[in-house]
Amino acid sequence: MNPPTLEHDHTREAIRDRLALPKTASYLRDWVYGGIDGAVTTFAIVAGVIGANLSPAVILILGFANLLADGFSMAAGNYSATKSEIDEHKRYEEIEERHIRIAPGGEREELRQILDEMGLSGETLDNATTAISSNKEKWIALMLAEEYGLPSVLRSPLQSALGTFIAFAICGFVPLVPFLLGMPDAFLASIIATGIVFALIGSLKSLWSVTAWWISALETLVIGSVAAGVAYYTGQFLKTIVS
């Protein structure tokens, strides 16, 4: 039997080199968020217009307007939200720096209790408290993570916004393709194409999780299908009211 495959080597040299690399933030959430929302909102427009029995031209007009307007809106919102995380991090960093300067004894006791909760005790606890508190930068970083639950690596607002917009535009364009090509049964083709997009997003998302790819794909497909169904039947309901 072959030994299990590990994600990285655990030799002394490999560990040293890996830990020496700069820490990078993950933008997976931005791509998944933008991709799912792009496919859902655009297909919701398609389903709503079809449900209301309106012209396919309306689908293209509203669909492309959605790609630009809603895509930009989501990107701007994600930019502001990510920037707020950075501002929050800076605020608590300044608080900890001020507390260490004004009340170092109290902050050292907080550090000691945090390390105690991690399982350190006795002389090891004393030595760890002294070592960490002797480096203010490391001390503040540990307090931000353990006292406030803040991440050590922050995402770039611009990269988050771009990732959201690009994923939104790419995935949101798919439901419109059958209508753009003038296919005879464009709505059915749009349903199939959008379902494939949902499944692909879920499958790719599973590469960064412990969930099986088919479960992740099915989960995303169900979420998108529910949203599309709501839009379609809402369109039909509004059609009965208007007509």
C-alpha atoms as a PDB file:
ATOM      1  CA  MET A   1       0.000   0.000   0.000  1.00  0.00           C
ATOM      2  CA  ASN A   2       1.319   3.425  -0.954  1.00  0.00           C
ATOM      3  CA  PRO A   3       1.798   5.917   1.907  1.00  0.00           C
ATOM      4  CA  PRO A   4      -0.801   8.720   2.076  1.00  0.00           C
ATOM      5  CA  THR A   5       0.050  11.856   0.106  1.00  0.00           C
ATOM      6  CA  LEU A   6       0.645  15.010   2.145  1.00  0.00           C
ATOM      7  CA  GLU A   7       0.096  18.566   0.921  1.00  0.00           C
ATOM      8  CA  HIS A   8       3.682  19.592   1.747  1.00  0.00           C
ATOM      9  CA  ASP A   9       6.968  18.184   3.037  1.00  0.00           C
ATOM     10  CA  HIS A  10       7.717  18.081   6.742  1.00  0.00           C
ATOM     11  CA  THR A  11      11.490  18.061   6.703  1.00  0.00           C
ATOM     12  CA  ARG A  12      13.233  20.697   8.808  1.00  0.00           C
ATOM     13  CA  GLU A  13      14.373  22.603   5.724  1.00  0.00           C
ATOM     14  CA  ALA A  14      10.982  22.446   4.003  1.00  0.00           C
ATOM     15  CA  ILE A  15       9.207  23.695   7.114  1.00  0.00           C
ATOM     16  CA  ARG A  16      11.682  26.555   7.526  1.00  0.00           C
ATOM     17  CA  ASP A  17      11.320  27.620   3.881  1.00  0.00           C
ATOM     18  CA  ARG A  18       7.538  27.373   3.949  1.00  0.00           C
ATOM     19  CA  LEU A  19       7.176  29.434   7.130  1.00  0.00           C
ATOM     20  CA  ALA A  20       9.545  32.036   5.701  1.00  0.00           C
ATOM     21  CA  LEU A  21       7.196  32.707   2.785  1.00  0.00           C
ATOM     22  CA  PRO A  22       4.986  35.809   3.061  1.00  0.00           C
ATOM     23  CA  LYS A  23       1.476  35.067   4.250  1.00  0.00           C
ATOM     24  CA  THR A  24      -1.155  35.630   1.575  1.00  0.00           C
ATOM     25  CA  ALA A  25      -4.888  36.231   1.902  1.00  0.00           C
ATOM     26  CA  SER A  26      -7.463  34.000   0.231  1.00  0.00           C
ATOM     27  CA  TYR A  27      -9.876  35.573  -2.250  1.00  0.00           C
ATOM     28  CA  LEU A  28     -11.904  32.409  -2.787  1.00  0.00           C
ATOM     29  CA  ARG A  29     -14.953  33.849  -1.016  1.00  0.00           C
ATOM     30  CA  ASP A  30     -14.983  36.849  -3.367  1.00  0.00           C
ATOM     31  CA  TRP A  31     -14.914  34.674  -6.496  1.00  0.00           C
ATOM     32  CA  VAL A  32     -17.542  32.261  -5.190  1.00  0.00           C
ATOM     33  CA  TYR A  33     -19.734  35.107  -3.952  1.00  0.00           C
ATOM     34  CA  GLY A  34     -19.519  36.979  -7.256  1.00  0.00           C
ATOM     35  CA  GLY A  35     -19.943  33.871  -9.415  1.00  0.00           C
ATOM     36  CA  ILE A  36     -23.025  32.547  -7.642  1.00  0.00           C
ATOM     37  CA  ASP A  37     -24.681  35.945  -7.412  1.00  0.00           C
ATOM     38  CA  GLY A  38     -23.930  36.734 -11.048  1.00  0.00           C
ATOM     39  CA  ALA A  39     -25.475  33.502 -12.296  1.00  0.00           C
ATOM     40  CA  VAL A  40     -28.428  33.718  -9.896  1.00  0.00           C
ATOM     41  CA  THR A  41     -29.383  37.341 -10.537  1.00  0.00           C
ATOM     42  CA  THR A  42     -28.992  37.148 -14.308  1.00  0.00           C
ATOM     43  CA  PHE A  43     -30.907  33.897 -14.577  1.00  0.00           C
ATOM     44  CA  ALA A  44     -33.514  35.349 -12.225  1.00  0.00           C
ATOM     45  CA  ILE A  45     -34.021  38.111 -14.781  1.00  0.00           C
ATOM     46  CA  VAL A  46     -34.270  35.518 -17.560  1.00  0.00           C
ATOM     47  CA  ALA A  47     -36.759  33.416 -15.601  1.00  0.00           C
ATOM     48  CA  GLY A  48     -38.767  36.429 -14.508  1.00  0.00           C
ATOM     49  CA  VAL A  49     -39.073  37.806 -18.043  1.00  0.00           C
ATOM     50  CA  ILE A  50     -39.992  34.389 -19.450  1.00  0.00           C
ATOM     51  CA  GLY A  51     -42.493  33.911 -16.627  1.00  0.00           C
ATOM     52  CA  ALA A  52     -44.079  37.239 -17.525  1.00  0.00           C
ATOM     53  CA  ASN A  53     -44.101  36.203 -21.203  1.00  0.00           C
ATOM     54  CA  LEU A  54     -42.124  39.240 -22.356  1.00  0.00           C
ATOM     55  CA  SER A  55     -39.889  39.616 -25.407  1.00  0.00           C
ATOM     56  CA  PRO A  56     -36.416  37.965 -25.458  1.00  0.00           C
ATOM     57  CA  ALA A  57     -35.064  41.425 -26.283  1.00  0.00           C
ATOM     58  CA  VAL A  58     -36.091  42.486 -22.785  1.00  0.00           C
ATOM     59  CA  ILE A  59     -33.992  39.614 -21.397  1.00  0.00           C
ATOM     60  CA  LEU A  60     -30.871  40.872 -23.177  1.00  0.00           C
ATOM     61  CA  ILE A  61     -31.450  44.501 -22.210  1.00  0.00           C
ATOM     62  CA  LEU A  62     -32.103  43.749 -18.530  1.00  0.00           C
ATOM     63  CA  GLY A  63     -29.490  40.997 -18.454  1.00  0.00           C
ATOM     64  CA  PHE A  64     -26.621  43.140 -19.692  1.00  0.00           C
ATOM     65  CA  ALA A  65     -27.759  46.047 -17.548  1.00  0.00           C
ATOM     66  CA  ASN A  66     -27.616  43.676 -14.584  1.00  0.00           C
ATOM     67  CA  LEU A  67     -24.097  42.533 -15.496  1.00  0.00           C
ATOM     68  CA  LEU A  68     -22.807  46.086 -15.422  1.00  0.00           C
ATOM     69  CA  ALA A  69     -24.930  47.778 -12.764  1.00  0.00           C
ATOM     70  CA  ASP A  70     -25.374  44.975 -10.244  1.00  0.00           C
ATOM     71  CA  GLY A  71     -21.872  43.650 -10.862  1.00  0.00           C
ATOM     72  CA  PHE A  72     -20.355  47.045 -10.173  1.00  0.00           C
ATOM     73  CA  SER A  73     -22.620  47.531  -7.160  1.00  0.00           C
ATOM     74  CA  MET A  74     -21.515  44.218  -5.672  1.00  0.00           C
ATOM     75  CA  ALA A  75     -17.868  45.004  -6.339  1.00  0.00           C
ATOM     76  CA  ALA A  76     -18.204  48.429  -4.716  1.00  0.00           C
ATOM     77  CA  GLY A  77     -19.988  46.926  -1.728  1.00  0.00           C
ATOM     78  CA  ASN A  78     -17.316  44.267  -1.325  1.00  0.00           C
ATOM     79  CA  TYR A  79     -14.599  46.931  -1.605  1.00  0.00           C
ATOM     80  CA  SER A  80     -16.184  48.970   1.183  1.00  0.00           C
ATOM     81  CA  ALA A  81     -16.779  45.905   3.370  1.00  0.00           C
ATOM     82  CA  THR A  82     -13.185  44.695   2.970  1.00  0.00           C
ATOM     83  CA  LYS A  83     -11.831  48.178   3.664  1.00  0.00           C
ATOM     84  CA  SER A  84     -13.957  48.251   6.824  1.00  0.00           C
ATOM     85  CA  GLU A  85     -12.203  45.068   7.977  1.00  0.00           C
ATOM     86  CA  ILE A  86      -8.841  46.813   7.500  1.00  0.00           C
ATOM     87  CA  ASP A  87     -10.039  49.904   9.373  1.00  0.00           C
ATOM     88  CA  GLU A  88     -11.321  47.718  12.204  1.00  0.00           C
ATOM     89  CA  HIS A  89      -7.985  45.901  12.373  1.00  0.00           C
ATOM     90  CA  LYS A  90      -6.085  49.212  12.550  1.00  0.00           C
ATOM     91  CA  ARG A  91      -8.410  50.505  15.270  1.00  0.00           C
ATOM     92  CA  TYR A  92      -7.877  47.506  17.547  1.00  0.00           C
ATOM     93  CA  GLU A  93      -4.169  47.561  16.761  1.00  0.00           C
ATOM     94  CA  GLU A  94      -3.991  51.143  18.011  1.00  0.00           C
ATOM     95  CA  ILE A  95      -6.016  50.194  21.091  1.00  0.00           C
ATOM     96  CA  GLU A  96      -3.646  47.364  21.984  1.00  0.00           C
ATOM     97  CA  GLU A  97      -0.574  49.521  21.346  1.00  0.00           C
ATOM     98  CA  ARG A  98      -1.986  52.220  23.659  1.00  0.00           C
ATOM     99  CA  HIS A  99      -2.932  49.703  26.360  1.00  0.00           C
ATOM    100  CA  ILE A 100       0.548  48.158  26.294  1.00  0.00           C
ATOM    101  CA  ARG A 101       2.070  51.623  26.635  1.00  0.00           C
ATOM    102  CA  ILE A 102      -0.226  52.799  29.448  1.00  0.00           C
ATOM    103  CA  ALA A 103      -0.988  49.558  31.320  1.00  0.00           C
ATOM    104  CA  PRO A 104       1.756  47.041  30.413  1.00  0.00           C
ATOM    105  CA  GLY A 105       1.163  44.977  33.560  1.00  0.00           C
ATOM    106  CA  GLY A 106      -2.509  44.429  32.794  1.00  0.00           C
ATOM    107  CA  GLU A 107      -1.789  43.571  29.160  1.00  0.00           C
ATOM    108  CA  ARG A 108       0.917  41.136  30.236  1.00  0.00           C
ATOM    109  CA  GLU A 109      -1.603  39.438  32.526  1.00  0.00           C
ATOM    110  CA  GLU A 110      -4.047  39.179  29.607  1.00  0.00           C
ATOM    111  CA  LEU A 111      -1.305  37.576  27.537  1.00  0.00           C
ATOM    112  CA  ARG A 112      -0.480  35.186  30.350  1.00  0.00           C
ATOM    113  CA  GLN A 113      -4.109  34.071  30.689  1.00  0.00           C
ATOM    114  CA  ILE A 114      -4.411  33.586  26.929  1.00  0.00           C
ATOM    115  CA  LEU A 115      -1.325  31.380  26.909  1.00  0.00           C
ATOM    116  CA  ASP A 116      -2.662  29.530  29.937  1.00  0.00           C
ATOM    117  CA  GLU A 117      -5.855  28.736  28.000  1.00  0.00           C
ATOM    118  CA  MET A 118      -3.639  27.356  25.233  1.00  0.00           C
ATOM    119  CA  GLY A 119      -2.312  24.773  27.677  1.00  0.00           C
ATOM    120  CA  LEU A 120       0.944  26.350  28.859  1.00  0.00           C
ATOM    121  CA  SER A 121       1.747  26.280  32.554  1.00  0.00           C
ATOM    122  CA  GLY A 122       4.486  26.697  35.125  1.00  0.00           C
ATOM    123  CA  GLU A 123       7.908  27.788  33.948  1.00  0.00           C
ATOM    124  CA  THR A 124       6.944  27.291  30.307  1.00  0.00           C
ATOM    125  CA  LEU A 125       4.070  29.760  30.733  1.00  0.00           C
ATOM    126  CA  ASP A 126       6.352  32.298  32.446  1.00  0.00           C
ATOM    127  CA  ASN A 127       9.014  32.008  29.747  1.00  0.00           C
ATOM    128  CA  ALA A 128       6.485  32.260  26.905  1.00  0.00           C
ATOM    129  CA  THR A 129       4.843  35.322  28.454  1.00  0.00           C
ATOM    130  CA  THR A 130       8.212  37.030  28.856  1.00  0.00           C
ATOM    131  CA  ALA A 131       9.379  36.122  25.355  1.00  0.00           C
ATOM    132  CA  ILE A 132       6.241  37.288  23.563  1.00  0.00           C
ATOM    133  CA  SER A 133       5.843  40.483  25.604  1.00  0.00           C
ATOM    134  CA  SER A 134       9.432  41.443  24.761  1.00  0.00           C
ATOM    135  CA  ASN A 135       8.433  41.830  21.112  1.00  0.00           C
ATOM    136  CA  LYS A 136       5.660  44.423  20.879  1.00  0.00           C
ATOM    137  CA  GLU A 137       4.784  43.633  17.272  1.00  0.00           C
ATOM    138  CA  LYS A 138       4.351  39.906  17.963  1.00  0.00           C
ATOM    139  CA  TRP A 139       2.574  40.693  21.215  1.00  0.00           C
ATOM    140  CA  ILE A 140      -0.011  42.918  19.513  1.00  0.00           C
ATOM    141  CA  ALA A 141      -0.511  40.404  16.688  1.00  0.00           C
ATOM    142  CA  LEU A 142      -1.264  37.626  19.161  1.00  0.00           C
ATOM    143  CA  MET A 143      -3.667  39.818  21.140  1.00  0.00           C
ATOM    144  CA  LEU A 144      -5.539  40.826  17.976  1.00  0.00           C
ATOM    145  CA  ALA A 145      -5.974  37.185  17.022  1.00  0.00           C
ATOM    146  CA  GLU A 146      -6.803  35.736  20.443  1.00  0.00           C
ATOM    147  CA  GLU A 147      -8.600  38.607  22.171  1.00  0.00           C
ATOM    148  CA  TYR A 148     -10.561  40.010  19.222  1.00  0.00           C
ATOM    149  CA  GLY A 149     -10.558  37.098  16.782  1.00  0.00           C
ATOM    150  CA  LEU A 150      -9.089  39.198  13.969  1.00  0.00           C
ATOM    151  CA  PRO A 151      -7.206  37.588  11.059  1.00  0.00           C
ATOM    152  CA  SER A 152      -3.449  37.981  10.817  1.00  0.00           C
ATOM    153  CA  VAL A 153      -3.562  38.472   7.029  1.00  0.00           C
ATOM    154  CA  LEU A 154      -5.930  41.024   5.509  1.00  0.00           C
ATOM    155  CA  ARG A 155      -7.406  40.978   2.015  1.00  0.00           C
ATOM    156  CA  SER A 156      -6.876  43.815  -0.455  1.00  0.00           C
ATOM    157  CA  PRO A 157     -10.127  45.763  -1.026  1.00  0.00           C
ATOM    158  CA  LEU A 158      -9.244  46.273  -4.695  1.00  0.00           C
ATOM    159  CA  GLN A 159      -8.475  42.600  -5.343  1.00  0.00           C
ATOM    160  CA  SER A 160     -11.647  41.578  -3.518  1.00  0.00           C
ATOM    161  CA  ALA A 161     -13.733  43.961  -5.621  1.00  0.00           C
ATOM    162  CA  LEU A 162     -12.112  42.863  -8.891  1.00  0.00           C
ATOM    163  CA  GLY A 163     -12.550  39.194  -8.071  1.00  0.00           C
ATOM    164  CA  THR A 164     -16.227  39.724  -7.284  1.00  0.00           C
ATOM    165  CA  PHE A 165     -16.882  41.745 -10.448  1.00  0.00           C
ATOM    166  CA  ILE A 166     -15.008  39.409 -12.821  1.00  0.00           C
ATOM    167  CA  ALA A 167     -16.693  36.293 -11.418  1.00  0.00           C
ATOM    168  CA  PHE A 168     -20.070  38.048 -11.501  1.00  0.00           C
ATOM    169  CA  ALA A 169     -19.636  39.101 -15.133  1.00  0.00           C
ATOM    170  CA  ILE A 170     -18.381  35.727 -16.371  1.00  0.00           C
ATOM    171  CA  CYS A 171     -20.973  33.574 -14.628  1.00  0.00           C
ATOM    172  CA  GLY A 172     -23.750  36.090 -15.155  1.00  0.00           C
ATOM    173  CA  PHE A 173     -23.101  36.154 -18.906  1.00  0.00           C
ATOM    174  CA  VAL A 174     -23.784  32.424 -19.307  1.00  0.00           C
ATOM    175  CA  PRO A 175     -27.614  32.531 -18.925  1.00  0.00           C
ATOM    176  CA  LEU A 176     -27.771  35.181 -21.666  1.00  0.00           C
ATOM    177  CA  VAL A 177     -25.746  33.271 -24.281  1.00  0.00           C
ATOM    178  CA  PRO A 178     -28.645  31.161 -25.682  1.00  0.00           C
ATOM    179  CA  PHE A 179     -30.724  34.305 -26.223  1.00  0.00           C
ATOM    180  CA  LEU A 180     -27.768  36.170 -27.688  1.00  0.00           C
ATOM    181  CA  LEU A 181     -27.274  33.343 -30.200  1.00  0.00           C
ATOM    182  CA  GLY A 182     -30.993  33.198 -30.987  1.00  0.00           C
ATOM    183  CA  MET A 183     -31.292  29.497 -30.155  1.00  0.00           C
ATOM    184  CA  PRO A 184     -34.751  27.974 -30.833  1.00  0.00           C
ATOM    185  CA  ASP A 185     -35.342  26.821 -27.249  1.00  0.00           C
ATOM    186  CA  ALA A 186     -33.224  29.447 -25.567  1.00  0.00           C
ATOM    187  CA  PHE A 187     -34.870  29.226 -22.152  1.00  0.00           C
ATOM    188  CA  LEU A 188     -34.226  25.487 -21.803  1.00  0.00           C
ATOM    189  CA  ALA A 189     -30.640  25.986 -22.968  1.00  0.00           C
ATOM    190  CA  SER A 190     -30.264  28.815 -20.443  1.00  0.00           C
ATOM    191  CA  ILE A 191     -31.543  26.552 -17.659  1.00  0.00           C
ATOM    192  CA  ILE A 192     -29.038  23.828 -18.550  1.00  0.00           C
ATOM    193  CA  ALA A 193     -26.124  26.251 -18.980  1.00  0.00           C
ATOM    194  CA  THR A 194     -26.865  28.006 -15.693  1.00  0.00           C
ATOM    195  CA  GLY A 195     -27.187  24.686 -13.883  1.00  0.00           C
ATOM    196  CA  ILE A 196     -23.774  23.692 -15.219  1.00  0.00           C
ATOM    197  CA  VAL A 197     -22.333  26.974 -13.937  1.00  0.00           C
ATOM    198  CA  PHE A 198     -23.786  26.358 -10.468  1.00  0.00           C
ATOM    199  CA  ALA A 199     -22.405  22.819 -10.443  1.00  0.00           C
ATOM    200  CA  LEU A 200     -18.959  23.978 -11.609  1.00  0.00           C
ATOM    201  CA  ILE A 201     -18.792  26.689  -8.939  1.00  0.00           C
ATOM    202  CA  GLY A 202     -19.704  24.152  -6.278  1.00  0.00           C
ATOM    203  CA  SER A 203     -17.215  21.608  -7.611  1.00  0.00           C
ATOM    204  CA  LEU A 204     -14.372  24.137  -7.689  1.00  0.00           C
ATOM    205  CA  LYS A 205     -15.328  25.391  -4.223  1.00  0.00           C
ATOM    206  CA  SER A 206     -14.882  21.871  -2.875  1.00  0.00           C
ATOM    207  CA  LEU A 207     -11.149  22.022  -3.699  1.00  0.00           C
ATOM    208  CA  TRP A 208     -10.752  24.330  -0.696  1.00  0.00           C
ATOM    209  CA  SER A 209     -13.069  22.447   1.651  1.00  0.00           C
ATOM    210  CA  VAL A 210     -13.532  18.986   3.128  1.00  0.00           C
ATOM    211  CA  THR A 211     -16.888  18.536   1.391  1.00  0.00           C
ATOM    212  CA  ALA A 212     -17.082  16.049  -1.481  1.00  0.00           C
ATOM    213  CA  TRP A 213     -17.194  17.773  -4.877  1.00  0.00           C
ATOM    214  CA  TRP A 214     -20.574  16.346  -5.820  1.00  0.00           C
ATOM    215  CA  ILE A 215     -22.157  17.432  -2.537  1.00  0.00           C
ATOM    216  CA  SER A 216     -20.794  20.959  -2.961  1.00  0.00           C
ATOM    217  CA  ALA A 217     -21.972  21.004  -6.578  1.00  0.00           C
ATOM    218  CA  LEU A 218     -25.446  19.785  -5.622  1.00  0.00           C
ATOM    219  CA  GLU A 219     -25.691  22.302  -2.782  1.00  0.00           C
ATOM    220  CA  THR A 220     -24.850  25.215  -5.075  1.00  0.00           C
ATOM    221  CA  LEU A 221     -27.192  23.896  -7.758  1.00  0.00           C
ATOM    222  CA  VAL A 222     -30.082  23.707  -5.281  1.00  0.00           C
ATOM    223  CA  ILE A 223     -29.453  27.260  -4.015  1.00  0.00           C
ATOM    224  CA  GLY A 224     -29.406  28.634  -7.552  1.00  0.00           C
ATOM    225  CA  SER A 225     -32.456  26.621  -8.608  1.00  0.00           C
ATOM    226  CA  VAL A 226     -34.515  27.900  -5.677  1.00  0.00           C
ATOM    227  CA  ALA A 227     -33.622  31.507  -6.494  1.00  0.00           C
ATOM    228  CA  ALA A 228     -34.444  30.985 -10.176  1.00  0.00           C
ATOM    229  CA  GLY A 229     -37.739  29.276  -9.335  1.00  0.00           C
ATOM    230  CA  VAL A 230     -38.785  32.157  -7.094  1.00  0.00           C
ATOM    231  CA  ALA A 231     -38.051  34.637  -9.894  1.00  0.00           C
ATOM    232  CA  TYR A 232     -39.897  32.600 -12.509  1.00  0.00           C
ATOM    233  CA  TYR A 233     -43.076  32.149 -10.499  1.00  0.00           C
ATOM    234  CA  THR A 234     -42.947  35.764  -9.333  1.00  0.00           C
ATOM    235  CA  GLY A 235     -42.908  36.770 -12.987  1.00  0.00           C
ATOM    236  CA  GLN A 236     -45.906  34.576 -13.705  1.00  0.00           C
ATOM    237  CA  PHE A 237     -47.758  35.967 -10.686  1.00  0.00           C
ATOM    238  CA  LEU A 238     -47.109  39.565 -11.740  1.00  0.00           C
ATOM    239  CA  LYS A 239     -48.231  38.708 -15.253  1.00  0.00           C
ATOM    240  CA  THR A 240     -51.649  37.610 -13.935  1.00  0.00           C
ATOM    241  CA  ILE A 241     -51.961  40.849 -11.956  1.00  0.00           C
ATOM    242  CA  VAL A 242     -50.990  43.135 -14.833  1.00  0.00           C
ATOM    243  CA  SER A 243     -52.949  41.303 -17.524  1.00  0.00           C
END
